[in-house]
């Protein structure tokens, strides 16, 4: 398993993913759904769709949307969530297990989105170019690509403190488990 597949293809990551995003102040949900609506009624492709947080919102807006992701654990949660959606939302949604660096869906899209930074899991220029090449091949002429990258806090990257720092206050999941986000920087390679 390569590094990209390993990052999110762990059951525990998939279990906590939605909960973590519910407890943080991300404002991207409506952004991507509104962007898709603004592009017209053309189909949308979401790369790195994960558990469907954005994908399902897009389908609820009446747009055909295809999501691809490499993590079967994440896609299993997405399929479970889709099963609870109305039939018309399910009918507008296609889920494909695939690598965002190498896929062929034999169709083109008006809009391709890469929300929530899966592009940043592509750590080599070769992987990044492979993803962008695949995306370009799947865009309609005049179509658009929207991807999310974060503006890093450089102080975070040069702080070599090996102490654990809490990212978010502990919060309770629906099943009663408590989740806390913490991080630690072991080394920095400038």
N, C-alpha and C. Protein backbone atom coordinates (compact mmCIF):
# COMPACT_ATOMS: atom_id res chain seq x y z
N UNK A 1 0.86 -1.18 0.00
CA UNK A 1 0.00 0.00 0.00
C UNK A 1 0.90 1.24 0.00
N UNK A 2 0.66 2.14 -0.94
CA UNK A 2 1.48 3.35 -0.96
C UNK A 2 0.99 4.34 0.09
N UNK A 3 1.75 5.44 0.26
CA UNK A 3 1.43 6.41 1.32
C UNK A 3 0.06 7.04 1.15
N UNK A 4 -0.33 7.34 -0.09
CA UNK A 4 -1.63 7.97 -0.31
C UNK A 4 -2.75 7.04 0.12
N UNK A 5 -2.66 5.78 -0.26
CA UNK A 5 -3.69 4.83 0.12
C UNK A 5 -3.71 4.65 1.64
N UNK A 6 -2.55 4.65 2.25
CA UNK A 6 -2.48 4.41 3.68
C UNK A 6 -2.99 5.53 4.55
N UNK A 7 -2.98 6.76 4.04
CA UNK A 7 -3.35 7.91 4.87
C UNK A 7 -4.77 7.83 5.38
N UNK A 8 -5.72 7.45 4.55
CA UNK A 8 -7.13 7.44 4.96
C UNK A 8 -7.74 6.05 4.89
N UNK A 9 -6.99 5.05 4.50
CA UNK A 9 -7.55 3.72 4.39
C UNK A 9 -7.32 2.94 5.68
N UNK A 10 -7.69 3.60 6.75
CA UNK A 10 -7.64 2.98 8.07
C UNK A 10 -8.99 3.19 8.70
N UNK A 11 -9.58 2.13 9.19
CA UNK A 11 -10.95 2.19 9.70
C UNK A 11 -11.13 3.29 10.74
N UNK A 12 -10.16 3.44 11.66
CA UNK A 12 -10.34 4.44 12.72
C UNK A 12 -10.38 5.86 12.18
N UNK A 13 -9.65 6.15 11.10
CA UNK A 13 -9.69 7.48 10.51
C UNK A 13 -11.08 7.74 9.94
N UNK A 14 -11.60 6.78 9.21
CA UNK A 14 -12.93 6.92 8.61
C UNK A 14 -14.01 7.09 9.68
N UNK A 15 -13.90 6.36 10.78
CA UNK A 15 -14.90 6.46 11.86
C UNK A 15 -14.97 7.86 12.45
N UNK A 16 -13.84 8.52 12.59
CA UNK A 16 -13.80 9.81 13.27
C UNK A 16 -13.88 11.00 12.32
N UNK A 17 -13.73 10.76 11.04
CA UNK A 17 -13.61 11.85 10.06
C UNK A 17 -14.79 12.83 10.12
N UNK A 18 -16.01 12.34 9.99
CA UNK A 18 -17.17 13.23 10.00
C UNK A 18 -17.30 13.98 11.32
N UNK A 19 -17.03 13.28 12.40
CA UNK A 19 -17.15 13.91 13.72
C UNK A 19 -16.16 15.07 13.85
N UNK A 20 -14.94 14.86 13.40
CA UNK A 20 -13.92 15.91 13.50
C UNK A 20 -14.35 17.13 12.70
N UNK A 21 -14.86 16.92 11.49
CA UNK A 21 -15.27 18.06 10.67
C UNK A 21 -16.51 18.75 11.21
N UNK A 22 -17.37 18.04 11.92
CA UNK A 22 -18.54 18.68 12.54
C UNK A 22 -18.12 19.58 13.68
N UNK A 23 -17.03 19.26 14.37
CA UNK A 23 -16.62 20.04 15.53
C UNK A 23 -15.68 21.18 15.17
N UNK A 24 -15.25 21.27 13.94
CA UNK A 24 -14.36 22.36 13.52
C UNK A 24 -15.15 23.34 12.66
N UNK A 25 -14.64 24.54 12.56
CA UNK A 25 -15.39 25.59 11.87
C UNK A 25 -14.99 25.69 10.40
N UNK A 26 -15.29 24.66 9.62
CA UNK A 26 -15.03 24.70 8.18
C UNK A 26 -16.22 25.33 7.49
N UNK A 27 -15.94 26.21 6.59
CA UNK A 27 -16.99 26.95 5.89
C UNK A 27 -17.09 26.51 4.43
N UNK A 28 -16.56 25.34 4.09
CA UNK A 28 -16.50 24.94 2.69
C UNK A 28 -17.73 24.21 2.19
N UNK A 29 -18.57 23.70 3.07
CA UNK A 29 -19.73 22.90 2.66
C UNK A 29 -20.56 23.64 1.61
N UNK A 30 -21.09 24.78 2.01
CA UNK A 30 -21.95 25.56 1.12
C UNK A 30 -21.17 26.12 -0.06
N UNK A 31 -19.90 26.43 0.15
CA UNK A 31 -19.10 26.99 -0.95
C UNK A 31 -19.12 26.05 -2.16
N UNK A 32 -18.81 24.77 -1.94
CA UNK A 32 -18.73 23.84 -3.07
C UNK A 32 -20.11 23.55 -3.67
N UNK A 33 -21.13 23.43 -2.83
CA UNK A 33 -22.48 23.21 -3.35
C UNK A 33 -22.94 24.40 -4.18
N UNK A 34 -22.67 25.61 -3.70
CA UNK A 34 -23.05 26.82 -4.45
C UNK A 34 -22.22 26.97 -5.72
N UNK A 35 -20.95 26.60 -5.67
CA UNK A 35 -20.11 26.64 -6.86
C UNK A 35 -20.68 25.71 -7.92
N UNK A 36 -21.09 24.53 -7.52
CA UNK A 36 -21.66 23.56 -8.46
C UNK A 36 -22.95 24.08 -9.05
N UNK A 37 -23.81 24.68 -8.23
CA UNK A 37 -25.06 25.25 -8.74
C UNK A 37 -24.77 26.37 -9.73
N UNK A 38 -23.76 27.16 -9.45
CA UNK A 38 -23.41 28.28 -10.32
C UNK A 38 -22.85 27.86 -11.66
N UNK A 39 -22.34 26.65 -11.73
CA UNK A 39 -21.79 26.15 -12.98
C UNK A 39 -22.89 25.67 -13.92
N UNK A 40 -24.10 25.58 -13.44
CA UNK A 40 -25.20 25.09 -14.27
C UNK A 40 -25.55 23.66 -13.91
N UNK A 41 -26.26 23.03 -14.79
CA UNK A 41 -26.78 21.70 -14.49
C UNK A 41 -25.83 20.59 -14.92
N UNK A 42 -24.62 20.96 -15.32
CA UNK A 42 -23.68 19.95 -15.78
C UNK A 42 -23.21 19.04 -14.66
N UNK A 43 -22.69 17.90 -15.00
CA UNK A 43 -22.24 16.97 -13.97
C UNK A 43 -20.99 17.49 -13.24
N UNK A 44 -20.85 17.05 -12.01
CA UNK A 44 -19.74 17.44 -11.14
C UNK A 44 -18.95 16.19 -10.76
N UNK A 45 -17.65 16.30 -10.73
CA UNK A 45 -16.77 15.24 -10.25
C UNK A 45 -16.06 15.74 -9.01
N UNK A 46 -16.14 14.97 -7.94
CA UNK A 46 -15.42 15.31 -6.71
C UNK A 46 -14.30 14.30 -6.50
N UNK A 47 -13.06 14.80 -6.48
CA UNK A 47 -11.90 13.95 -6.23
C UNK A 47 -11.63 13.91 -4.73
N UNK A 48 -11.42 12.71 -4.20
CA UNK A 48 -11.20 12.57 -2.77
C UNK A 48 -12.48 12.82 -2.00
N UNK A 49 -13.57 12.19 -2.40
CA UNK A 49 -14.89 12.49 -1.82
C UNK A 49 -15.07 11.98 -0.40
N UNK A 50 -14.19 11.07 0.06
CA UNK A 50 -14.26 10.61 1.44
C UNK A 50 -15.61 10.07 1.83
N UNK A 51 -16.14 10.56 2.93
CA UNK A 51 -17.42 10.07 3.46
C UNK A 51 -18.61 10.82 2.88
N UNK A 52 -18.37 11.70 1.92
CA UNK A 52 -19.47 12.34 1.20
C UNK A 52 -20.00 13.63 1.79
N UNK A 53 -19.27 14.24 2.69
CA UNK A 53 -19.73 15.46 3.34
C UNK A 53 -20.12 16.52 2.31
N UNK A 54 -19.32 16.73 1.28
CA UNK A 54 -19.60 17.71 0.25
C UNK A 54 -20.43 17.07 -0.87
N UNK A 55 -20.10 15.86 -1.25
CA UNK A 55 -20.75 15.18 -2.36
C UNK A 55 -22.27 15.09 -2.17
N UNK A 56 -22.71 14.72 -0.99
CA UNK A 56 -24.16 14.57 -0.74
C UNK A 56 -24.85 15.93 -0.81
N UNK A 57 -24.23 16.97 -0.28
CA UNK A 57 -24.82 18.31 -0.39
C UNK A 57 -25.00 18.72 -1.85
N UNK A 58 -24.02 18.40 -2.67
CA UNK A 58 -24.09 18.73 -4.10
C UNK A 58 -25.25 17.99 -4.76
N UNK A 59 -25.40 16.70 -4.46
CA UNK A 59 -26.51 15.92 -5.03
C UNK A 59 -27.85 16.44 -4.54
N UNK A 60 -27.91 16.88 -3.29
CA UNK A 60 -29.17 17.44 -2.77
C UNK A 60 -29.57 18.72 -3.51
N UNK A 61 -28.60 19.39 -4.10
CA UNK A 61 -28.88 20.61 -4.86
C UNK A 61 -29.42 20.31 -6.26
N UNK A 62 -29.59 19.02 -6.57
CA UNK A 62 -30.17 18.63 -7.85
C UNK A 62 -29.17 18.38 -8.95
N UNK A 63 -27.89 18.25 -8.60
CA UNK A 63 -26.85 18.05 -9.60
C UNK A 63 -26.37 16.60 -9.61
N UNK A 64 -26.05 16.11 -10.80
CA UNK A 64 -25.42 14.80 -10.92
C UNK A 64 -23.99 14.94 -10.45
N UNK A 65 -23.58 14.05 -9.57
CA UNK A 65 -22.22 14.15 -9.01
C UNK A 65 -21.62 12.75 -8.91
N UNK A 66 -20.35 12.67 -9.32
CA UNK A 66 -19.57 11.45 -9.20
C UNK A 66 -18.46 11.73 -8.21
N UNK A 67 -18.26 10.83 -7.28
CA UNK A 67 -17.18 10.97 -6.31
C UNK A 67 -16.22 9.81 -6.44
N UNK A 68 -14.92 10.12 -6.38
CA UNK A 68 -13.93 9.05 -6.35
C UNK A 68 -13.07 9.20 -5.11
N UNK A 69 -12.68 8.06 -4.58
CA UNK A 69 -11.81 8.04 -3.41
C UNK A 69 -11.11 6.69 -3.38
N UNK A 70 -9.94 6.67 -2.81
CA UNK A 70 -9.14 5.46 -2.73
C UNK A 70 -9.45 4.63 -1.48
N UNK A 71 -10.02 5.26 -0.45
CA UNK A 71 -10.25 4.58 0.82
C UNK A 71 -11.59 3.86 0.84
N UNK A 72 -11.55 2.55 0.88
CA UNK A 72 -12.78 1.75 0.96
C UNK A 72 -13.51 2.01 2.28
N UNK A 73 -12.77 2.28 3.36
CA UNK A 73 -13.42 2.56 4.64
C UNK A 73 -14.24 3.85 4.56
N UNK A 74 -13.68 4.88 3.93
CA UNK A 74 -14.41 6.14 3.76
C UNK A 74 -15.62 5.92 2.85
N UNK A 75 -15.43 5.20 1.75
CA UNK A 75 -16.53 4.97 0.81
C UNK A 75 -17.64 4.13 1.42
N UNK A 76 -17.29 3.23 2.32
CA UNK A 76 -18.31 2.43 3.00
C UNK A 76 -19.23 3.34 3.82
N UNK A 77 -18.66 4.32 4.50
CA UNK A 77 -19.46 5.27 5.27
C UNK A 77 -20.30 6.12 4.32
N UNK A 78 -19.72 6.56 3.21
CA UNK A 78 -20.47 7.34 2.22
C UNK A 78 -21.67 6.54 1.70
N UNK A 79 -21.46 5.29 1.35
CA UNK A 79 -22.57 4.47 0.84
C UNK A 79 -23.66 4.31 1.89
N UNK A 80 -23.27 4.16 3.13
CA UNK A 80 -24.24 4.05 4.22
C UNK A 80 -25.06 5.34 4.36
N UNK A 81 -24.39 6.48 4.26
CA UNK A 81 -25.09 7.76 4.34
C UNK A 81 -26.02 7.95 3.13
N UNK A 82 -25.58 7.53 1.96
CA UNK A 82 -26.41 7.64 0.76
C UNK A 82 -27.68 6.78 0.88
N UNK A 83 -27.57 5.64 1.55
CA UNK A 83 -28.73 4.76 1.71
C UNK A 83 -29.84 5.45 2.50
N UNK A 84 -29.49 6.44 3.32
CA UNK A 84 -30.49 7.17 4.10
C UNK A 84 -31.04 8.39 3.36
N UNK A 85 -30.51 8.67 2.18
CA UNK A 85 -30.95 9.83 1.39
C UNK A 85 -32.17 9.46 0.54
N UNK A 86 -32.95 10.46 0.13
CA UNK A 86 -34.08 10.19 -0.77
C UNK A 86 -33.58 9.56 -2.09
N UNK A 87 -34.48 8.82 -2.74
CA UNK A 87 -34.10 8.12 -3.97
C UNK A 87 -33.55 9.05 -5.04
N UNK A 88 -34.08 10.28 -5.14
CA UNK A 88 -33.60 11.19 -6.18
C UNK A 88 -32.16 11.63 -5.92
N UNK A 89 -31.75 11.74 -4.66
CA UNK A 89 -30.36 12.07 -4.34
C UNK A 89 -29.47 10.87 -4.68
N UNK A 90 -29.92 9.68 -4.32
CA UNK A 90 -29.16 8.48 -4.65
C UNK A 90 -28.98 8.33 -6.15
N UNK A 91 -30.04 8.63 -6.90
CA UNK A 91 -29.99 8.47 -8.36
C UNK A 91 -29.02 9.45 -9.02
N UNK A 92 -28.78 10.58 -8.40
CA UNK A 92 -27.87 11.59 -8.95
C UNK A 92 -26.42 11.36 -8.55
N UNK A 93 -26.16 10.33 -7.76
CA UNK A 93 -24.84 10.12 -7.18
C UNK A 93 -24.21 8.82 -7.66
N UNK A 94 -22.96 8.93 -8.07
CA UNK A 94 -22.17 7.76 -8.42
C UNK A 94 -20.90 7.78 -7.59
N UNK A 95 -20.54 6.65 -7.02
CA UNK A 95 -19.34 6.54 -6.18
C UNK A 95 -18.40 5.52 -6.84
N UNK A 96 -17.16 5.93 -7.05
CA UNK A 96 -16.19 5.09 -7.74
C UNK A 96 -14.93 4.96 -6.89
N UNK A 97 -14.55 3.73 -6.52
CA UNK A 97 -13.27 3.57 -5.83
C UNK A 97 -12.14 3.74 -6.84
N UNK A 98 -11.35 4.78 -6.68
CA UNK A 98 -10.27 5.05 -7.63
C UNK A 98 -9.24 5.97 -6.99
N UNK A 99 -8.08 6.00 -7.59
CA UNK A 99 -6.96 6.82 -7.18
C UNK A 99 -7.05 8.14 -7.94
N UNK A 100 -6.99 9.27 -7.26
CA UNK A 100 -7.13 10.56 -7.93
C UNK A 100 -5.94 10.86 -8.85
N UNK A 101 -4.91 10.04 -8.79
CA UNK A 101 -3.76 10.21 -9.68
C UNK A 101 -3.91 9.44 -10.98
N UNK A 102 -4.84 8.47 -11.01
CA UNK A 102 -4.93 7.59 -12.17
C UNK A 102 -6.34 7.02 -12.27
N UNK A 103 -7.21 7.71 -12.98
CA UNK A 103 -8.58 7.24 -13.14
C UNK A 103 -9.06 7.54 -14.55
N UNK A 104 -10.02 6.76 -15.02
CA UNK A 104 -10.62 7.01 -16.33
C UNK A 104 -12.09 6.69 -16.23
N UNK A 105 -12.91 7.73 -16.19
CA UNK A 105 -14.35 7.56 -16.04
C UNK A 105 -15.09 7.61 -17.38
N UNK A 106 -14.35 7.84 -18.46
CA UNK A 106 -14.92 7.88 -19.81
C UNK A 106 -16.07 8.88 -19.94
N UNK A 107 -15.99 9.97 -19.20
CA UNK A 107 -16.96 11.05 -19.31
C UNK A 107 -16.27 12.35 -18.94
N UNK A 108 -16.92 13.46 -19.26
CA UNK A 108 -16.36 14.78 -18.94
C UNK A 108 -17.32 15.53 -18.02
N UNK A 109 -16.77 16.47 -17.28
CA UNK A 109 -17.52 17.19 -16.27
C UNK A 109 -17.38 18.70 -16.45
N UNK A 110 -18.45 19.41 -16.11
CA UNK A 110 -18.42 20.88 -16.14
C UNK A 110 -17.56 21.43 -15.01
N UNK A 111 -17.57 20.72 -13.88
CA UNK A 111 -16.85 21.16 -12.69
C UNK A 111 -16.20 19.95 -12.03
N UNK A 112 -14.94 20.10 -11.67
CA UNK A 112 -14.24 19.09 -10.87
C UNK A 112 -13.78 19.80 -9.60
N UNK A 113 -14.14 19.21 -8.46
CA UNK A 113 -13.74 19.80 -7.18
C UNK A 113 -12.80 18.85 -6.44
N UNK A 114 -11.93 19.44 -5.65
CA UNK A 114 -11.02 18.69 -4.78
C UNK A 114 -11.07 19.39 -3.42
N UNK A 115 -12.21 19.24 -2.71
CA UNK A 115 -12.34 19.95 -1.43
C UNK A 115 -11.57 19.27 -0.30
N UNK A 116 -11.36 19.99 0.76
CA UNK A 116 -10.81 19.48 2.01
C UNK A 116 -9.39 18.91 1.85
N UNK A 117 -8.64 19.41 0.93
CA UNK A 117 -7.21 19.17 0.80
C UNK A 117 -6.71 17.78 0.44
N UNK A 118 -7.45 16.91 -0.25
CA UNK A 118 -6.81 15.65 -0.65
C UNK A 118 -5.64 15.87 -1.59
N UNK A 119 -5.65 16.99 -2.31
CA UNK A 119 -4.54 17.29 -3.21
C UNK A 119 -3.24 17.39 -2.43
N UNK A 120 -3.29 17.85 -1.20
CA UNK A 120 -2.09 17.99 -0.40
C UNK A 120 -1.55 16.67 0.13
N UNK A 121 -2.31 15.60 -0.05
CA UNK A 121 -1.78 14.27 0.28
C UNK A 121 -0.88 13.76 -0.84
N UNK A 122 -0.88 14.45 -1.96
CA UNK A 122 0.00 14.11 -3.07
C UNK A 122 1.31 14.84 -2.83
N UNK A 123 2.28 14.14 -2.26
CA UNK A 123 3.47 14.83 -1.76
C UNK A 123 4.59 14.96 -2.78
N UNK A 124 4.45 14.32 -3.93
CA UNK A 124 5.48 14.51 -4.96
C UNK A 124 4.89 15.31 -6.12
N UNK A 125 5.76 16.02 -6.80
CA UNK A 125 5.32 16.78 -7.98
C UNK A 125 4.76 15.81 -9.02
N UNK A 126 5.36 14.65 -9.14
CA UNK A 126 4.87 13.64 -10.10
C UNK A 126 3.43 13.25 -9.79
N UNK A 127 3.11 13.01 -8.52
CA UNK A 127 1.74 12.66 -8.14
C UNK A 127 0.78 13.82 -8.39
N UNK A 128 1.21 15.03 -8.08
CA UNK A 128 0.36 16.21 -8.29
C UNK A 128 0.06 16.39 -9.77
N UNK A 129 1.08 16.26 -10.61
CA UNK A 129 0.87 16.41 -12.05
C UNK A 129 -0.01 15.30 -12.60
N UNK A 130 0.14 14.09 -12.09
CA UNK A 130 -0.71 12.98 -12.53
C UNK A 130 -2.18 13.27 -12.22
N UNK A 131 -2.45 13.78 -11.03
CA UNK A 131 -3.82 14.13 -10.64
C UNK A 131 -4.37 15.23 -11.54
N UNK A 132 -3.60 16.29 -11.73
CA UNK A 132 -4.05 17.40 -12.56
C UNK A 132 -4.26 16.98 -14.01
N UNK A 133 -3.41 16.09 -14.51
CA UNK A 133 -3.56 15.58 -15.87
C UNK A 133 -4.85 14.79 -16.02
N UNK A 134 -5.13 13.92 -15.04
CA UNK A 134 -6.39 13.15 -15.07
C UNK A 134 -7.58 14.10 -15.00
N UNK A 135 -7.52 15.07 -14.11
CA UNK A 135 -8.62 16.02 -13.97
C UNK A 135 -8.83 16.77 -15.29
N UNK A 136 -7.77 17.24 -15.90
CA UNK A 136 -7.87 17.98 -17.16
C UNK A 136 -8.52 17.12 -18.25
N UNK A 137 -8.15 15.86 -18.30
CA UNK A 137 -8.71 14.94 -19.29
C UNK A 137 -10.22 14.77 -19.11
N UNK A 138 -10.71 14.97 -17.89
CA UNK A 138 -12.13 14.77 -17.57
C UNK A 138 -12.95 16.05 -17.58
N UNK A 139 -12.32 17.18 -17.86
CA UNK A 139 -13.05 18.45 -17.90
C UNK A 139 -13.64 18.70 -19.29
N UNK A 140 -14.88 19.19 -19.30
CA UNK A 140 -15.48 19.69 -20.53
C UNK A 140 -14.68 20.90 -20.98
N UNK A 141 -14.63 21.19 -22.29
CA UNK A 141 -14.00 22.44 -22.71
C UNK A 141 -14.67 23.61 -22.00
N UNK A 142 -13.87 24.46 -21.41
CA UNK A 142 -14.41 25.59 -20.64
C UNK A 142 -14.81 25.23 -19.22
N UNK A 143 -14.66 23.95 -18.84
CA UNK A 143 -14.98 23.52 -17.48
C UNK A 143 -13.98 24.08 -16.48
N UNK A 144 -14.31 23.93 -15.19
CA UNK A 144 -13.45 24.51 -14.15
C UNK A 144 -13.03 23.46 -13.13
N UNK A 145 -11.86 23.69 -12.56
CA UNK A 145 -11.32 22.87 -11.47
C UNK A 145 -11.21 23.77 -10.25
N UNK A 146 -11.77 23.33 -9.12
CA UNK A 146 -11.65 24.06 -7.85
C UNK A 146 -11.02 23.13 -6.84
N UNK A 147 -9.87 23.52 -6.30
CA UNK A 147 -9.23 22.67 -5.29
C UNK A 147 -8.83 23.49 -4.08
N UNK A 148 -8.79 22.82 -2.96
CA UNK A 148 -8.52 23.45 -1.68
C UNK A 148 -7.09 23.15 -1.26
N UNK A 149 -6.37 24.19 -0.92
CA UNK A 149 -5.07 24.05 -0.27
C UNK A 149 -5.07 25.03 0.89
N UNK A 150 -4.35 24.72 1.94
CA UNK A 150 -4.37 25.63 3.08
C UNK A 150 -3.13 26.50 3.09
N UNK A 151 -3.28 27.64 3.71
CA UNK A 151 -2.19 28.59 3.88
C UNK A 151 -1.53 28.24 5.20
N UNK A 152 -0.37 27.60 5.16
CA UNK A 152 0.20 27.08 6.40
C UNK A 152 0.70 28.16 7.35
N UNK A 153 0.60 27.86 8.62
CA UNK A 153 1.18 28.68 9.66
C UNK A 153 2.65 28.25 9.76
N UNK A 154 3.54 29.06 9.22
CA UNK A 154 4.95 28.65 9.16
C UNK A 154 5.55 28.41 10.54
N UNK A 155 5.05 29.13 11.54
CA UNK A 155 5.54 28.90 12.90
C UNK A 155 5.29 27.47 13.36
N UNK A 156 4.16 26.92 12.92
CA UNK A 156 3.82 25.53 13.26
C UNK A 156 4.85 24.56 12.69
N UNK A 157 5.35 24.87 11.50
CA UNK A 157 6.27 23.95 10.83
C UNK A 157 7.70 24.04 11.34
N UNK A 158 8.05 25.12 11.99
CA UNK A 158 9.42 25.23 12.47
C UNK A 158 9.52 25.02 13.98
N UNK A 159 8.38 24.90 14.66
CA UNK A 159 8.38 24.61 16.09
C UNK A 159 8.71 23.14 16.28
N UNK A 160 9.89 22.87 16.79
CA UNK A 160 10.34 21.49 16.91
C UNK A 160 10.02 20.89 18.27
N UNK A 161 9.10 21.50 18.99
CA UNK A 161 8.71 20.97 20.28
C UNK A 161 8.10 19.59 20.09
N UNK A 162 8.57 18.64 20.88
CA UNK A 162 8.03 17.28 20.76
C UNK A 162 6.88 17.05 21.75
N UNK A 163 6.44 18.12 22.41
CA UNK A 163 5.30 17.98 23.32
C UNK A 163 4.01 17.89 22.53
N UNK A 164 3.07 17.10 23.05
CA UNK A 164 1.78 16.98 22.41
C UNK A 164 0.96 18.23 22.66
N UNK A 165 0.33 18.75 21.60
CA UNK A 165 -0.49 19.95 21.69
C UNK A 165 -1.91 19.59 21.29
N UNK A 166 -2.88 20.08 22.06
CA UNK A 166 -4.28 19.77 21.77
C UNK A 166 -4.78 20.65 20.64
N UNK A 167 -5.34 20.04 19.59
CA UNK A 167 -5.92 20.76 18.45
C UNK A 167 -7.33 21.23 18.74
N UNK A 168 -8.09 20.37 19.39
CA UNK A 168 -9.51 20.67 19.64
C UNK A 168 -9.88 20.09 21.00
N UNK A 169 -10.81 20.74 21.65
CA UNK A 169 -11.28 20.24 22.94
C UNK A 169 -11.93 18.88 22.75
N UNK A 170 -11.84 18.02 23.76
CA UNK A 170 -12.50 16.72 23.65
C UNK A 170 -14.00 16.90 23.42
N UNK A 171 -14.55 16.04 22.58
CA UNK A 171 -15.99 16.08 22.31
C UNK A 171 -16.52 14.66 22.23
N UNK A 172 -17.81 14.54 22.50
CA UNK A 172 -18.43 13.22 22.54
C UNK A 172 -19.05 12.88 21.20
N UNK A 173 -18.77 11.65 20.72
CA UNK A 173 -19.36 11.15 19.49
C UNK A 173 -20.74 10.60 19.79
N UNK A 174 -21.58 10.43 18.76
CA UNK A 174 -22.94 9.91 18.99
C UNK A 174 -22.98 8.56 19.70
N UNK A 175 -21.94 7.74 19.54
CA UNK A 175 -21.94 6.42 20.19
C UNK A 175 -21.38 6.46 21.61
N UNK A 176 -21.04 7.68 22.11
CA UNK A 176 -20.58 7.81 23.49
C UNK A 176 -19.07 7.93 23.65
N UNK A 177 -18.31 7.57 22.62
CA UNK A 177 -16.85 7.71 22.72
C UNK A 177 -16.47 9.18 22.74
N UNK A 178 -15.37 9.49 23.42
CA UNK A 178 -14.85 10.85 23.46
C UNK A 178 -13.64 10.93 22.53
N UNK A 179 -13.60 12.00 21.75
CA UNK A 179 -12.53 12.19 20.79
C UNK A 179 -11.83 13.51 21.10
N UNK A 180 -10.51 13.49 21.08
CA UNK A 180 -9.73 14.71 21.25
C UNK A 180 -8.68 14.73 20.15
N UNK A 181 -8.47 15.91 19.57
CA UNK A 181 -7.44 16.04 18.54
C UNK A 181 -6.17 16.59 19.15
N UNK A 182 -5.06 15.90 18.88
CA UNK A 182 -3.75 16.34 19.36
C UNK A 182 -2.73 16.13 18.26
N UNK A 183 -1.66 16.90 18.32
CA UNK A 183 -0.57 16.70 17.38
C UNK A 183 0.76 16.92 18.07
N UNK A 184 1.79 16.41 17.41
CA UNK A 184 3.16 16.55 17.92
C UNK A 184 4.08 16.62 16.71
N UNK A 185 5.04 17.51 16.73
CA UNK A 185 6.03 17.60 15.66
C UNK A 185 7.28 16.92 16.14
N UNK A 186 7.63 15.81 15.49
CA UNK A 186 8.81 15.05 15.90
C UNK A 186 10.09 15.66 15.38
N UNK A 187 10.11 16.01 14.09
CA UNK A 187 11.28 16.62 13.48
C UNK A 187 10.81 17.56 12.38
N UNK A 188 11.68 18.46 12.01
CA UNK A 188 11.41 19.38 10.91
C UNK A 188 12.59 19.29 9.95
N UNK A 189 12.32 19.09 8.67
CA UNK A 189 13.37 19.03 7.65
C UNK A 189 13.22 20.28 6.79
N UNK A 190 14.02 21.28 7.07
CA UNK A 190 13.96 22.54 6.31
C UNK A 190 14.58 22.38 4.94
